[in-house]
Amino acid sequence: SLQNDSVVAGGGAIEMELSRFLRDYSRTIPGKQQLLIGAYAKALEIIPRQLCDNAGFDATNILNKLRAKHAQVGPGTAL
């Protein structure tokens, strides 16, 4: 049984931060390049998603929490 679902450093944190950065950056450029960078950002989230699945967590719920935490804290700040 799951007793603690807190967010901890590591376990895909870097990939989530890179994904956030690239997603934000992609909104500043036009055309196909925006789509390519956005797709790369989404692909980076596969690593934390798989870690969640392997640990038996609800990956969608955890990734939403991670996205919110990264957006709240901002770039370059330790969580």
PDB file of N, CA and C in Angstrom:
ATOM      1  N   SER A   1       0.834  -1.187   0.000  1.00  0.00           N
ATOM      2  CA  SER A   1       0.000   0.000   0.000  1.00  0.00           C
ATOM      3  C   SER A   1       0.874   1.244   0.000  1.00  0.00           C
ATOM      4  N   LEU A   2       0.455   2.236  -0.736  1.00  0.00           N
ATOM      5  CA  LEU A   2       1.181   3.494  -0.851  1.00  0.00           C
ATOM      6  C   LEU A   2       0.932   4.354   0.376  1.00  0.00           C
ATOM      7  N   GLN A   3       2.021   4.769   1.037  1.00  0.00           N
ATOM      8  CA  GLN A   3       1.862   5.569   2.236  1.00  0.00           C
ATOM      9  C   GLN A   3       2.332   6.993   2.068  1.00  0.00           C
ATOM     10  N   ASN A   4       3.179   7.274   1.073  1.00  0.00           N
ATOM     11  CA  ASN A   4       3.712   8.610   0.908  1.00  0.00           C
ATOM     12  C   ASN A   4       3.862   8.912  -0.579  1.00  0.00           C
ATOM     13  N   ASP A   5       3.173   9.942  -1.059  1.00  0.00           N
ATOM     14  CA  ASP A   5       3.277  10.296  -2.482  1.00  0.00           C
ATOM     15  C   ASP A   5       3.903  11.680  -2.670  1.00  0.00           C
ATOM     16  N   SER A   6       4.774  12.059  -1.730  1.00  0.00           N
ATOM     17  CA  SER A   6       5.396  13.375  -1.819  1.00  0.00           C
ATOM     18  C   SER A   6       6.354  13.437  -3.008  1.00  0.00           C
ATOM     19  N   VAL A   7       6.602  14.647  -3.474  1.00  0.00           N
ATOM     20  CA  VAL A   7       7.503  14.881  -4.584  1.00  0.00           C
ATOM     21  C   VAL A   7       8.914  15.038  -4.037  1.00  0.00           C
ATOM     22  N   VAL A   8       9.851  14.286  -4.586  1.00  0.00           N
ATOM     23  CA  VAL A   8      11.234  14.344  -4.117  1.00  0.00           C
ATOM     24  C   VAL A   8      12.158  14.709  -5.277  1.00  0.00           C
ATOM     25  N   ALA A   9      13.317  15.257  -4.924  1.00  0.00           N
ATOM     26  CA  ALA A   9      14.309  15.608  -5.947  1.00  0.00           C
ATOM     27  C   ALA A   9      14.825  14.350  -6.616  1.00  0.00           C
ATOM     28  N   GLY A  10      15.282  14.487  -7.837  1.00  0.00           N
ATOM     29  CA  GLY A  10      15.738  13.333  -8.609  1.00  0.00           C
ATOM     30  C   GLY A  10      14.551  12.720  -9.321  1.00  0.00           C
ATOM     31  N   GLY A  11      14.678  11.509  -9.723  1.00  0.00           N
ATOM     32  CA  GLY A  11      13.554  10.780 -10.317  1.00  0.00           C
ATOM     33  C   GLY A  11      12.845  11.530 -11.426  1.00  0.00           C
ATOM     34  N   GLY A  12      13.587  12.160 -12.330  1.00  0.00           N
ATOM     35  CA  GLY A  12      12.970  12.848 -13.458  1.00  0.00           C
ATOM     36  C   GLY A  12      12.830  14.350 -13.269  1.00  0.00           C
ATOM     37  N   ALA A  13      13.345  14.896 -12.168  1.00  0.00           N
ATOM     38  CA  ALA A  13      13.204  16.339 -11.911  1.00  0.00           C
ATOM     39  C   ALA A  13      13.899  17.169 -12.991  1.00  0.00           C
ATOM     40  N   ILE A  14      15.078  16.743 -13.415  1.00  0.00           N
ATOM     41  CA  ILE A  14      15.802  17.493 -14.446  1.00  0.00           C
ATOM     42  C   ILE A  14      15.035  17.454 -15.760  1.00  0.00           C
ATOM     43  N   GLU A  15      14.502  16.296 -16.098  1.00  0.00           N
ATOM     44  CA  GLU A  15      13.744  16.175 -17.336  1.00  0.00           C
ATOM     45  C   GLU A  15      12.499  17.050 -17.300  1.00  0.00           C
ATOM     46  N   MET A  16      11.843  17.129 -16.138  1.00  0.00           N
ATOM     47  CA  MET A  16      10.656  17.988 -16.013  1.00  0.00           C
ATOM     48  C   MET A  16      11.028  19.463 -16.154  1.00  0.00           C
ATOM     49  N   GLU A  17      12.148  19.861 -15.581  1.00  0.00           N
ATOM     50  CA  GLU A  17      12.578  21.255 -15.688  1.00  0.00           C
ATOM     51  C   GLU A  17      12.975  21.596 -17.122  1.00  0.00           C
ATOM     52  N   LEU A  18      13.688  20.691 -17.786  1.00  0.00           N
ATOM     53  CA  LEU A  18      14.025  20.915 -19.193  1.00  0.00           C
ATOM     54  C   LEU A  18      12.769  20.977 -20.056  1.00  0.00           C
ATOM     55  N   SER A  19      11.817  20.119 -19.772  1.00  0.00           N
ATOM     56  CA  SER A  19      10.561  20.124 -20.501  1.00  0.00           C
ATOM     57  C   SER A  19       9.844  21.459 -20.327  1.00  0.00           C
ATOM     58  N   ARG A  20       9.795  21.968 -19.093  1.00  0.00           N
ATOM     59  CA  ARG A  20       9.150  23.250 -18.835  1.00  0.00           C
ATOM     60  C   ARG A  20       9.856  24.371 -19.582  1.00  0.00           C
ATOM     61  N   PHE A  21      11.186  24.378 -19.522  1.00  0.00           N
ATOM     62  CA  PHE A  21      11.960  25.412 -20.191  1.00  0.00           C
ATOM     63  C   PHE A  21      11.707  25.385 -21.699  1.00  0.00           C
ATOM     64  N   LEU A  22      11.778  24.196 -22.296  1.00  0.00           N
ATOM     65  CA  LEU A  22      11.576  24.085 -23.739  1.00  0.00           C
ATOM     66  C   LEU A  22      10.150  24.442 -24.147  1.00  0.00           C
ATOM     67  N   ARG A  23       9.186  24.042 -23.332  1.00  0.00           N
ATOM     68  CA  ARG A  23       7.786  24.371 -23.644  1.00  0.00           C
ATOM     69  C   ARG A  23       7.594  25.891 -23.617  1.00  0.00           C
ATOM     70  N   ASP A  24       8.149  26.545 -22.604  1.00  0.00           N
ATOM     71  CA  ASP A  24       8.061  28.009 -22.521  1.00  0.00           C
ATOM     72  C   ASP A  24       8.781  28.664 -23.702  1.00  0.00           C
ATOM     73  N   TYR A  25       9.966  28.163 -24.026  1.00  0.00           N
ATOM     74  CA  TYR A  25      10.730  28.711 -25.138  1.00  0.00           C
ATOM     75  C   TYR A  25       9.984  28.524 -26.458  1.00  0.00           C
ATOM     76  N   SER A  26       9.352  27.378 -26.636  1.00  0.00           N
ATOM     77  CA  SER A  26       8.663  27.104 -27.906  1.00  0.00           C
ATOM     78  C   SER A  26       7.545  28.110 -28.170  1.00  0.00           C
ATOM     79  N   ARG A  27       6.997  28.691 -27.113  1.00  0.00           N
ATOM     80  CA  ARG A  27       5.917  29.674 -27.282  1.00  0.00           C
ATOM     81  C   ARG A  27       6.427  31.024 -27.788  1.00  0.00           C
ATOM     82  N   THR A  28       7.738  31.191 -27.821  1.00  0.00           N
ATOM     83  CA  THR A  28       8.308  32.471 -28.253  1.00  0.00           C
ATOM     84  C   THR A  28       8.737  32.455 -29.710  1.00  0.00           C
ATOM     85  N   ILE A  29       8.649  31.312 -30.386  1.00  0.00           N
ATOM     86  CA  ILE A  29       9.095  31.228 -31.774  1.00  0.00           C
ATOM     87  C   ILE A  29       7.956  30.729 -32.658  1.00  0.00           C
ATOM     88  N   PRO A  30       7.930  31.166 -33.914  1.00  0.00           N
ATOM     89  CA  PRO A  30       6.832  30.810 -34.818  1.00  0.00           C
ATOM     90  C   PRO A  30       7.119  29.530 -35.619  1.00  0.00           C
ATOM     91  N   GLY A  31       6.095  29.056 -36.265  1.00  0.00           N
ATOM     92  CA  GLY A  31       6.230  28.018 -37.272  1.00  0.00           C
ATOM     93  C   GLY A  31       6.466  26.610 -36.764  1.00  0.00           C
ATOM     94  N   LYS A  32       6.996  25.800 -37.678  1.00  0.00           N
ATOM     95  CA  LYS A  32       7.218  24.386 -37.396  1.00  0.00           C
ATOM     96  C   LYS A  32       8.202  24.170 -36.259  1.00  0.00           C
ATOM     97  N   GLN A  33       9.145  25.079 -36.113  1.00  0.00           N
ATOM     98  CA  GLN A  33      10.133  24.937 -35.045  1.00  0.00           C
ATOM     99  C   GLN A  33       9.453  24.910 -33.683  1.00  0.00           C
ATOM    100  N   GLN A  34       8.376  25.676 -33.525  1.00  0.00           N
ATOM    101  CA  GLN A  34       7.627  25.673 -32.266  1.00  0.00           C
ATOM    102  C   GLN A  34       7.081  24.271 -31.988  1.00  0.00           C
ATOM    103  N   LEU A  35       6.546  23.631 -33.012  1.00  0.00           N
ATOM    104  CA  LEU A  35       5.991  22.288 -32.849  1.00  0.00           C
ATOM    105  C   LEU A  35       7.076  21.266 -32.526  1.00  0.00           C
ATOM    106  N   LEU A  36       8.212  21.382 -33.191  1.00  0.00           N
ATOM    107  CA  LEU A  36       9.309  20.438 -32.942  1.00  0.00           C
ATOM    108  C   LEU A  36       9.841  20.564 -31.515  1.00  0.00           C
ATOM    109  N   ILE A  37      10.032  21.783 -31.055  1.00  0.00           N
ATOM    110  CA  ILE A  37      10.540  21.991 -29.702  1.00  0.00           C
ATOM    111  C   ILE A  37       9.507  21.539 -28.677  1.00  0.00           C
ATOM    112  N   GLY A  38       8.228  21.806 -28.941  1.00  0.00           N
ATOM    113  CA  GLY A  38       7.159  21.346 -28.051  1.00  0.00           C
ATOM    114  C   GLY A  38       7.100  19.827 -27.968  1.00  0.00           C
ATOM    115  N   ALA A  39       7.323  19.165 -29.106  1.00  0.00           N
ATOM    116  CA  ALA A  39       7.318  17.698 -29.121  1.00  0.00           C
ATOM    117  C   ALA A  39       8.504  17.141 -28.339  1.00  0.00           C
ATOM    118  N   TYR A  40       9.646  17.789 -28.448  1.00  0.00           N
ATOM    119  CA  TYR A  40      10.825  17.369 -27.685  1.00  0.00           C
ATOM    120  C   TYR A  40      10.574  17.544 -26.191  1.00  0.00           C
ATOM    121  N   ALA A  41       9.934  18.671 -25.836  1.00  0.00           N
ATOM    122  CA  ALA A  41       9.600  18.923 -24.430  1.00  0.00           C
ATOM    123  C   ALA A  41       8.689  17.821 -23.889  1.00  0.00           C
ATOM    124  N   LYS A  42       7.706  17.438 -24.684  1.00  0.00           N
ATOM    125  CA  LYS A  42       6.785  16.379 -24.268  1.00  0.00           C
ATOM    126  C   LYS A  42       7.512  15.037 -24.131  1.00  0.00           C
ATOM    127  N   ALA A  43       8.449  14.776 -25.044  1.00  0.00           N
ATOM    128  CA  ALA A  43       9.198  13.521 -25.010  1.00  0.00           C
ATOM    129  C   ALA A  43      10.034  13.403 -23.738  1.00  0.00           C
ATOM    130  N   LEU A  44      10.557  14.525 -23.242  1.00  0.00           N
ATOM    131  CA  LEU A  44      11.353  14.480 -22.016  1.00  0.00           C
ATOM    132  C   LEU A  44      10.536  13.997 -20.817  1.00  0.00           C
ATOM    133  N   GLU A  45       9.222  14.189 -20.872  1.00  0.00           N
ATOM    134  CA  GLU A  45       8.366  13.763 -19.756  1.00  0.00           C
ATOM    135  C   GLU A  45       8.135  12.259 -19.728  1.00  0.00           C
ATOM    136  N   ILE A  46       8.603  11.555 -20.738  1.00  0.00           N
ATOM    137  CA  ILE A  46       8.449  10.099 -20.751  1.00  0.00           C
ATOM    138  C   ILE A  46       9.231   9.469 -19.603  1.00  0.00           C
ATOM    139  N   ILE A  47      10.387  10.030 -19.290  1.00  0.00           N
ATOM    140  CA  ILE A  47      11.236   9.449 -18.238  1.00  0.00           C
ATOM    141  C   ILE A  47      10.534   9.509 -16.882  1.00  0.00           C
ATOM    142  N   PRO A  48      10.097  10.678 -16.406  1.00  0.00           N
ATOM    143  CA  PRO A  48       9.395  10.691 -15.115  1.00  0.00           C
ATOM    144  C   PRO A  48       8.075   9.914 -15.155  1.00  0.00           C
ATOM    145  N   ARG A  49       7.406   9.907 -16.311  1.00  0.00           N
ATOM    146  CA  ARG A  49       6.153   9.141 -16.427  1.00  0.00           C
ATOM    147  C   ARG A  49       6.426   7.654 -16.217  1.00  0.00           C
ATOM    148  N   GLN A  50       7.478   7.148 -16.836  1.00  0.00           N
ATOM    149  CA  GLN A  50       7.808   5.733 -16.701  1.00  0.00           C
ATOM    150  C   GLN A  50       8.221   5.400 -15.269  1.00  0.00           C
ATOM    151  N   LEU A  51       8.959   6.304 -14.634  1.00  0.00           N
ATOM    152  CA  LEU A  51       9.344   6.092 -13.235  1.00  0.00           C
ATOM    153  C   LEU A  51       8.100   6.011 -12.347  1.00  0.00           C
ATOM    154  N   CYS A  52       7.121   6.879 -12.605  1.00  0.00           N
ATOM    155  CA  CYS A  52       5.864   6.844 -11.841  1.00  0.00           C
ATOM    156  C   CYS A  52       5.141   5.515 -12.055  1.00  0.00           C
ATOM    157  N   ASP A  53       5.041   5.116 -13.318  1.00  0.00           N
ATOM    158  CA  ASP A  53       4.371   3.848 -13.628  1.00  0.00           C
ATOM    159  C   ASP A  53       5.062   2.678 -12.937  1.00  0.00           C
ATOM    160  N   ASN A  54       6.390   2.659 -12.999  1.00  0.00           N
ATOM    161  CA  ASN A  54       7.149   1.559 -12.395  1.00  0.00           C
ATOM    162  C   ASN A  54       6.970   1.502 -10.885  1.00  0.00           C
ATOM    163  N   ALA A  55       6.780   2.664 -10.271  1.00  0.00           N
ATOM    164  CA  ALA A  55       6.612   2.717  -8.817  1.00  0.00           C
ATOM    165  C   ALA A  55       5.163   2.490  -8.391  1.00  0.00           C
ATOM    166  N   GLY A  56       4.258   2.371  -9.358  1.00  0.00           N
ATOM    167  CA  GLY A  56       2.861   2.123  -9.038  1.00  0.00           C
ATOM    168  C   GLY A  56       2.050   3.373  -8.759  1.00  0.00           C
ATOM    169  N   PHE A  57       2.591   4.550  -9.108  1.00  0.00           N
ATOM    170  CA  PHE A  57       1.862   5.804  -8.907  1.00  0.00           C
ATOM    171  C   PHE A  57       0.947   6.085 -10.091  1.00  0.00           C
ATOM    172  N   ASP A  58      -0.002   6.978  -9.878  1.00  0.00           N
ATOM    173  CA  ASP A  58      -0.815   7.503 -10.968  1.00  0.00           C
ATOM    174  C   ASP A  58       0.045   8.544 -11.684  1.00  0.00           C
ATOM    175  N   ALA A  59       0.620   8.184 -12.827  1.00  0.00           N
ATOM    176  CA  ALA A  59       1.587   9.033 -13.514  1.00  0.00           C
ATOM    177  C   ALA A  59       0.994  10.378 -13.903  1.00  0.00           C
ATOM    178  N   THR A  60      -0.240  10.407 -14.365  1.00  0.00           N
ATOM    179  CA  THR A  60      -0.861  11.662 -14.774  1.00  0.00           C
ATOM    180  C   THR A  60      -0.966  12.620 -13.602  1.00  0.00           C
ATOM    181  N   ASN A  61      -1.397  12.119 -12.466  1.00  0.00           N
ATOM    182  CA  ASN A  61      -1.532  12.943 -11.273  1.00  0.00           C
ATOM    183  C   ASN A  61      -0.178  13.476 -10.805  1.00  0.00           C
ATOM    184  N   ILE A  62       0.817  12.614 -10.750  1.00  0.00           N
ATOM    185  CA  ILE A  62       2.137  13.014 -10.285  1.00  0.00           C
ATOM    186  C   ILE A  62       2.769  14.019 -11.252  1.00  0.00           C
ATOM    187  N   LEU A  63       2.661  13.788 -12.554  1.00  0.00           N
ATOM    188  CA  LEU A  63       3.246  14.719 -13.520  1.00  0.00           C
ATOM    189  C   LEU A  63       2.565  16.081 -13.450  1.00  0.00           C
ATOM    190  N   ASN A  64       1.268  16.100 -13.221  1.00  0.00           N
ATOM    191  CA  ASN A  64       0.587  17.383 -13.051  1.00  0.00           C
ATOM    192  C   ASN A  64       1.115  18.120 -11.823  1.00  0.00           C
ATOM    193  N   LYS A  65       1.352  17.390 -10.741  1.00  0.00           N
ATOM    194  CA  LYS A  65       1.929  18.006  -9.539  1.00  0.00           C
ATOM    195  C   LYS A  65       3.328  18.543  -9.827  1.00  0.00           C
ATOM    196  N   LEU A  66       4.125  17.754 -10.547  1.00  0.00           N
ATOM    197  CA  LEU A  66       5.476  18.188 -10.878  1.00  0.00           C
ATOM    198  C   LEU A  66       5.468  19.427 -11.754  1.00  0.00           C
ATOM    199  N   ARG A  67       4.602  19.449 -12.779  1.00  0.00           N
ATOM    200  CA  ARG A  67       4.500  20.630 -13.647  1.00  0.00           C
ATOM    201  C   ARG A  67       4.121  21.860 -12.832  1.00  0.00           C
ATOM    202  N   ALA A  68       3.161  21.705 -11.953  1.00  0.00           N
ATOM    203  CA  ALA A  68       2.720  22.833 -11.124  1.00  0.00           C
ATOM    204  C   ALA A  68       3.838  23.324 -10.223  1.00  0.00           C
ATOM    205  N   LYS A  69       4.580  22.402  -9.635  1.00  0.00           N
ATOM    206  CA  LYS A  69       5.674  22.774  -8.738  1.00  0.00           C
ATOM    207  C   LYS A  69       6.786  23.489  -9.503  1.00  0.00           C
ATOM    208  N   HIS A  70       7.127  22.987 -10.676  1.00  0.00           N
ATOM    209  CA  HIS A  70       8.161  23.630 -11.481  1.00  0.00           C
ATOM    210  C   HIS A  70       7.706  25.012 -11.949  1.00  0.00           C
ATOM    211  N   ALA A  71       6.443  25.167 -12.283  1.00  0.00           N
ATOM    212  CA  ALA A  71       5.924  26.471 -12.707  1.00  0.00           C
ATOM    213  C   ALA A  71       5.908  27.453 -11.543  1.00  0.00           C
ATOM    214  N   GLN A  72       5.599  26.965 -10.365  1.00  0.00           N
ATOM    215  CA  GLN A  72       5.514  27.809  -9.171  1.00  0.00           C
ATOM    216  C   GLN A  72       6.892  28.307  -8.742  1.00  0.00           C
ATOM    217  N   VAL A  73       7.856  27.428  -8.745  1.00  0.00           N
ATOM    218  CA  VAL A  73       9.195  27.760  -8.246  1.00  0.00           C
ATOM    219  C   VAL A  73       9.945  28.618  -9.255  1.00  0.00           C
ATOM    220  N   GLY A  74       9.791  28.334 -10.528  1.00  0.00           N
ATOM    221  CA  GLY A  74      10.476  29.126 -11.545  1.00  0.00           C
ATOM    222  C   GLY A  74      11.818  28.543 -11.925  1.00  0.00           C
ATOM    223  N   PRO A  75      12.404  29.091 -12.986  1.00  0.00           N
ATOM    224  CA  PRO A  75      13.655  28.530 -13.508  1.00  0.00           C
ATOM    225  C   PRO A  75      14.834  28.774 -12.591  1.00  0.00           C
ATOM    226  N   GLY A  76      15.723  27.786 -12.557  1.00  0.00           N
ATOM    227  CA  GLY A  76      16.982  27.939 -11.838  1.00  0.00           C
ATOM    228  C   GLY A  76      16.887  27.911 -10.334  1.00  0.00           C
ATOM    229  N   THR A  77      15.731  27.558  -9.772  1.00  0.00           N
ATOM    230  CA  THR A  77      15.559  27.538  -8.330  1.00  0.00           C
ATOM    231  C   THR A  77      15.454  26.097  -7.865  1.00  0.00           C
ATOM    232  N   ALA A  78      16.151  25.740  -6.831  1.00  0.00           N
ATOM    233  CA  ALA A  78      16.064  24.378  -6.303  1.00  0.00           C
ATOM    234  C   ALA A  78      14.692  24.153  -5.697  1.00  0.00           C
ATOM    235  N   LEU A  79      14.134  22.976  -5.937  1.00  0.00           N
ATOM    236  CA  LEU A  79      12.813  22.647  -5.382  1.00  0.00           C
ATOM    237  C   LEU A  79      12.913  22.245  -3.934  1.00  0.00           C
TER     238      LEU A  79
END
